[in-house]
């Protein structure tokens, strides 16, 4: 099952919310022009991911802060932070999603929506988080 589009829409929703936007899931789906392409499972994945990141943002930020050595969260680009929050949520709370898929999708999103150096930064943090979680 490919969740790439669902992740992209989730990232856009969460990013917009971090800037003060309050679009509903249906509004973002409509704006994406992809509303009809998501299956029921992908819509459920999208809803769970967005709700989970919103509900656990403080915890996710604490985890990201632990591994972003030398970078205060308020210094990270909001889109980078949004992608990291989503991926850390998946790593911690969605065990049915393979770790490699989560990290790869986060890196791909960063290549599409972030600065050039962001993908390596995001990959490094997520690799550290994933290793730490397997050692817990």
C-alpha atoms as a PDB file:
ATOM      1  CA  UNK A   1       0.000   0.000   0.000  1.00  0.00           C
ATOM      2  CA  UNK A   2       1.426   3.375  -1.019  1.00  0.00           C
ATOM      3  CA  UNK A   3       0.801   6.223   1.408  1.00  0.00           C
ATOM      4  CA  UNK A   4       2.896   8.829  -0.449  1.00  0.00           C
ATOM      5  CA  UNK A   5      -0.012  11.067  -1.439  1.00  0.00           C
ATOM      6  CA  UNK A   6      -1.629  10.742   1.993  1.00  0.00           C
ATOM      7  CA  UNK A   7       1.673  11.801   3.607  1.00  0.00           C
ATOM      8  CA  UNK A   8       1.999  14.763   1.259  1.00  0.00           C
ATOM      9  CA  UNK A   9      -1.517  15.957   2.054  1.00  0.00           C
ATOM     10  CA  UNK A  10      -0.925  15.407   5.793  1.00  0.00           C
ATOM     11  CA  UNK A  11       2.281  17.446   5.567  1.00  0.00           C
ATOM     12  CA  UNK A  12       0.484  20.288   3.818  1.00  0.00           C
ATOM     13  CA  UNK A  13      -2.314  20.285   6.408  1.00  0.00           C
ATOM     14  CA  UNK A  14       0.043  20.204   9.368  1.00  0.00           C
ATOM     15  CA  UNK A  15       2.336  22.818   7.814  1.00  0.00           C
ATOM     16  CA  UNK A  16      -0.622  25.134   7.122  1.00  0.00           C
ATOM     17  CA  UNK A  17      -1.785  24.671  10.714  1.00  0.00           C
ATOM     18  CA  UNK A  18       1.696  25.609  11.978  1.00  0.00           C
ATOM     19  CA  UNK A  19       1.315  28.894  10.083  1.00  0.00           C
ATOM     20  CA  UNK A  20      -2.156  29.520  11.498  1.00  0.00           C
ATOM     21  CA  UNK A  21      -4.198  27.902   8.717  1.00  0.00           C
ATOM     22  CA  UNK A  22      -7.191  25.843   9.728  1.00  0.00           C
ATOM     23  CA  UNK A  23      -8.272  24.126   6.543  1.00  0.00           C
ATOM     24  CA  UNK A  24     -10.290  20.994   7.072  1.00  0.00           C
ATOM     25  CA  UNK A  25      -9.173  17.663   5.703  1.00  0.00           C
ATOM     26  CA  UNK A  26     -11.822  17.835   2.976  1.00  0.00           C
ATOM     27  CA  UNK A  27     -10.737  21.357   1.971  1.00  0.00           C
ATOM     28  CA  UNK A  28      -7.093  20.298   1.655  1.00  0.00           C
ATOM     29  CA  UNK A  29      -8.092  17.188  -0.306  1.00  0.00           C
ATOM     30  CA  UNK A  30     -10.183  19.333  -2.628  1.00  0.00           C
ATOM     31  CA  UNK A  31      -7.363  21.869  -3.112  1.00  0.00           C
ATOM     32  CA  UNK A  32      -4.903  19.068  -3.848  1.00  0.00           C
ATOM     33  CA  UNK A  33      -6.998  17.931  -6.790  1.00  0.00           C
ATOM     34  CA  UNK A  34      -6.453  14.389  -5.515  1.00  0.00           C
ATOM     35  CA  UNK A  35      -9.592  13.895  -3.431  1.00  0.00           C
ATOM     36  CA  UNK A  36     -10.821  10.968  -5.492  1.00  0.00           C
ATOM     37  CA  UNK A  37      -7.479   9.182  -5.760  1.00  0.00           C
ATOM     38  CA  UNK A  38      -7.141   8.200  -2.094  1.00  0.00           C
ATOM     39  CA  UNK A  39      -8.590   4.846  -1.121  1.00  0.00           C
ATOM     40  CA  UNK A  40     -10.509   4.394   2.101  1.00  0.00           C
ATOM     41  CA  UNK A  41      -7.393   2.951   3.779  1.00  0.00           C
ATOM     42  CA  UNK A  42      -5.280   5.898   2.638  1.00  0.00           C
ATOM     43  CA  UNK A  43      -7.865   8.388   3.942  1.00  0.00           C
ATOM     44  CA  UNK A  44      -7.861   6.565   7.276  1.00  0.00           C
ATOM     45  CA  UNK A  45      -4.053   6.633   7.323  1.00  0.00           C
ATOM     46  CA  UNK A  46      -4.146  10.381   6.563  1.00  0.00           C
ATOM     47  CA  UNK A  47      -6.689  11.099   9.296  1.00  0.00           C
ATOM     48  CA  UNK A  48      -4.792   9.024  11.872  1.00  0.00           C
ATOM     49  CA  UNK A  49      -1.472  10.648  10.991  1.00  0.00           C
ATOM     50  CA  UNK A  50      -2.785  14.218  11.187  1.00  0.00           C
ATOM     51  CA  UNK A  51      -4.718  13.628  14.411  1.00  0.00           C
ATOM     52  CA  UNK A  52      -1.816  11.758  15.987  1.00  0.00           C
ATOM     53  CA  UNK A  53       0.734  14.460  15.183  1.00  0.00           C
ATOM     54  CA  UNK A  54      -1.591  17.162  16.489  1.00  0.00           C
ATOM     55  CA  UNK A  55      -2.364  15.235  19.686  1.00  0.00           C
ATOM     56  CA  UNK A  56       1.250  14.316  20.443  1.00  0.00           C
ATOM     57  CA  UNK A  57       3.110  17.346  19.080  1.00  0.00           C
ATOM     58  CA  UNK A  58       4.787  18.198  22.386  1.00  0.00           C
ATOM     59  CA  UNK A  59       6.079  14.634  22.821  1.00  0.00           C
ATOM     60  CA  UNK A  60       7.234  14.479  19.185  1.00  0.00           C
ATOM     61  CA  UNK A  61       9.071  17.789  19.549  1.00  0.00           C
ATOM     62  CA  UNK A  62      10.844  16.490  22.644  1.00  0.00           C
ATOM     63  CA  UNK A  63      12.035  13.413  20.738  1.00  0.00           C
ATOM     64  CA  UNK A  64      13.158  15.490  17.755  1.00  0.00           C
ATOM     65  CA  UNK A  65      14.947  17.911  20.083  1.00  0.00           C
ATOM     66  CA  UNK A  66      16.897  15.036  21.607  1.00  0.00           C
ATOM     67  CA  UNK A  67      18.368  14.090  18.232  1.00  0.00           C
ATOM     68  CA  UNK A  68      18.729  17.459  16.493  1.00  0.00           C
ATOM     69  CA  UNK A  69      22.011  18.235  18.168  1.00  0.00           C
ATOM     70  CA  UNK A  70      22.851  21.903  18.052  1.00  0.00           C
ATOM     71  CA  UNK A  71      19.529  22.876  16.493  1.00  0.00           C
ATOM     72  CA  UNK A  72      16.777  24.405  18.581  1.00  0.00           C
ATOM     73  CA  UNK A  73      13.363  23.454  17.211  1.00  0.00           C
ATOM     74  CA  UNK A  74      12.440  27.112  16.729  1.00  0.00           C
ATOM     75  CA  UNK A  75      15.426  27.407  14.344  1.00  0.00           C
ATOM     76  CA  UNK A  76      14.239  24.573  12.101  1.00  0.00           C
ATOM     77  CA  UNK A  77      12.257  25.435   9.006  1.00  0.00           C
ATOM     78  CA  UNK A  78       8.583  24.753   9.706  1.00  0.00           C
ATOM     79  CA  UNK A  79       8.255  22.363   6.784  1.00  0.00           C
ATOM     80  CA  UNK A  80      11.307  20.388   8.007  1.00  0.00           C
ATOM     81  CA  UNK A  81       9.822  20.215  11.486  1.00  0.00           C
ATOM     82  CA  UNK A  82       6.449  19.145  10.107  1.00  0.00           C
ATOM     83  CA  UNK A  83       8.021  16.283   8.135  1.00  0.00           C
ATOM     84  CA  UNK A  84      10.040  15.214  11.183  1.00  0.00           C
ATOM     85  CA  UNK A  85       6.953  15.234  13.416  1.00  0.00           C
ATOM     86  CA  UNK A  86       5.048  13.060  10.974  1.00  0.00           C
ATOM     87  CA  UNK A  87       7.872  10.564  10.574  1.00  0.00           C
ATOM     88  CA  UNK A  88       8.600  10.322  14.304  1.00  0.00           C
ATOM     89  CA  UNK A  89       4.882   9.756  14.919  1.00  0.00           C
ATOM     90  CA  UNK A  90       4.899   6.942  12.343  1.00  0.00           C
ATOM     91  CA  UNK A  91       8.030   5.392  13.848  1.00  0.00           C
ATOM     92  CA  UNK A  92       6.611   5.463  17.362  1.00  0.00           C
ATOM     93  CA  UNK A  93       2.886   4.876  16.891  1.00  0.00           C
ATOM     94  CA  UNK A  94       2.413   3.125  13.542  1.00  0.00           C
ATOM     95  CA  UNK A  95       4.371  -0.122  13.835  1.00  0.00           C
ATOM     96  CA  UNK A  96       2.549  -1.556  10.820  1.00  0.00           C
ATOM     97  CA  UNK A  97       4.484   0.888   8.604  1.00  0.00           C
ATOM     98  CA  UNK A  98       8.020  -0.337   7.839  1.00  0.00           C
ATOM     99  CA  UNK A  99      10.745   1.865   9.330  1.00  0.00           C
ATOM    100  CA  UNK A 100      12.536   2.111   6.002  1.00  0.00           C
ATOM    101  CA  UNK A 101       9.374   3.268   4.252  1.00  0.00           C
ATOM    102  CA  UNK A 102       8.750   5.966   6.852  1.00  0.00           C
ATOM    103  CA  UNK A 103      12.290   7.336   6.597  1.00  0.00           C
ATOM    104  CA  UNK A 104      12.398   7.113   2.805  1.00  0.00           C
ATOM    105  CA  UNK A 105       9.061   8.901   2.418  1.00  0.00           C
ATOM    106  CA  UNK A 106      10.160  11.669   4.807  1.00  0.00           C
ATOM    107  CA  UNK A 107      13.383  12.157   2.832  1.00  0.00           C
ATOM    108  CA  UNK A 108      11.421  12.239  -0.442  1.00  0.00           C
ATOM    109  CA  UNK A 109       9.027  14.857   0.954  1.00  0.00           C
ATOM    110  CA  UNK A 110      11.994  16.942   2.075  1.00  0.00           C
ATOM    111  CA  UNK A 111      13.552  16.730  -1.403  1.00  0.00           C
ATOM    112  CA  UNK A 112      10.306  18.004  -2.875  1.00  0.00           C
ATOM    113  CA  UNK A 113       9.408  20.724  -0.360  1.00  0.00           C
ATOM    114  CA  UNK A 114      12.550  21.713   1.576  1.00  0.00           C
ATOM    115  CA  UNK A 115      15.972  23.204   0.982  1.00  0.00           C
ATOM    116  CA  UNK A 116      18.698  21.012  -0.517  1.00  0.00           C
ATOM    117  CA  UNK A 117      20.454  20.224   2.780  1.00  0.00           C
ATOM    118  CA  UNK A 118      17.256  19.294   4.600  1.00  0.00           C
ATOM    119  CA  UNK A 119      17.005  15.745   3.268  1.00  0.00           C
ATOM    120  CA  UNK A 120      20.332  14.725   4.819  1.00  0.00           C
ATOM    121  CA  UNK A 121      19.442  16.411   8.102  1.00  0.00           C
ATOM    122  CA  UNK A 122      16.035  14.707   8.228  1.00  0.00           C
ATOM    123  CA  UNK A 123      17.530  11.343   7.273  1.00  0.00           C
ATOM    124  CA  UNK A 124      20.134  11.632  10.037  1.00  0.00           C
ATOM    125  CA  UNK A 125      17.650  12.516  12.749  1.00  0.00           C
ATOM    126  CA  UNK A 126      15.193   9.801  11.738  1.00  0.00           C
ATOM    127  CA  UNK A 127      17.949   7.205  11.519  1.00  0.00           C
ATOM    128  CA  UNK A 128      19.007   8.074  15.086  1.00  0.00           C
ATOM    129  CA  UNK A 129      15.419   7.976  16.345  1.00  0.00           C
ATOM    130  CA  UNK A 130      14.773   4.613  14.653  1.00  0.00           C
ATOM    131  CA  UNK A 131      17.970   3.083  16.097  1.00  0.00           C
ATOM    132  CA  UNK A 132      17.096   4.342  19.577  1.00  0.00           C
ATOM    133  CA  UNK A 133      13.576   2.908  19.338  1.00  0.00           C
ATOM    134  CA  UNK A 134      14.850  -0.530  18.361  1.00  0.00           C
ATOM    135  CA  UNK A 135      17.197  -0.473  21.358  1.00  0.00           C
ATOM    136  CA  UNK A 136      14.432   0.424  23.833  1.00  0.00           C
END
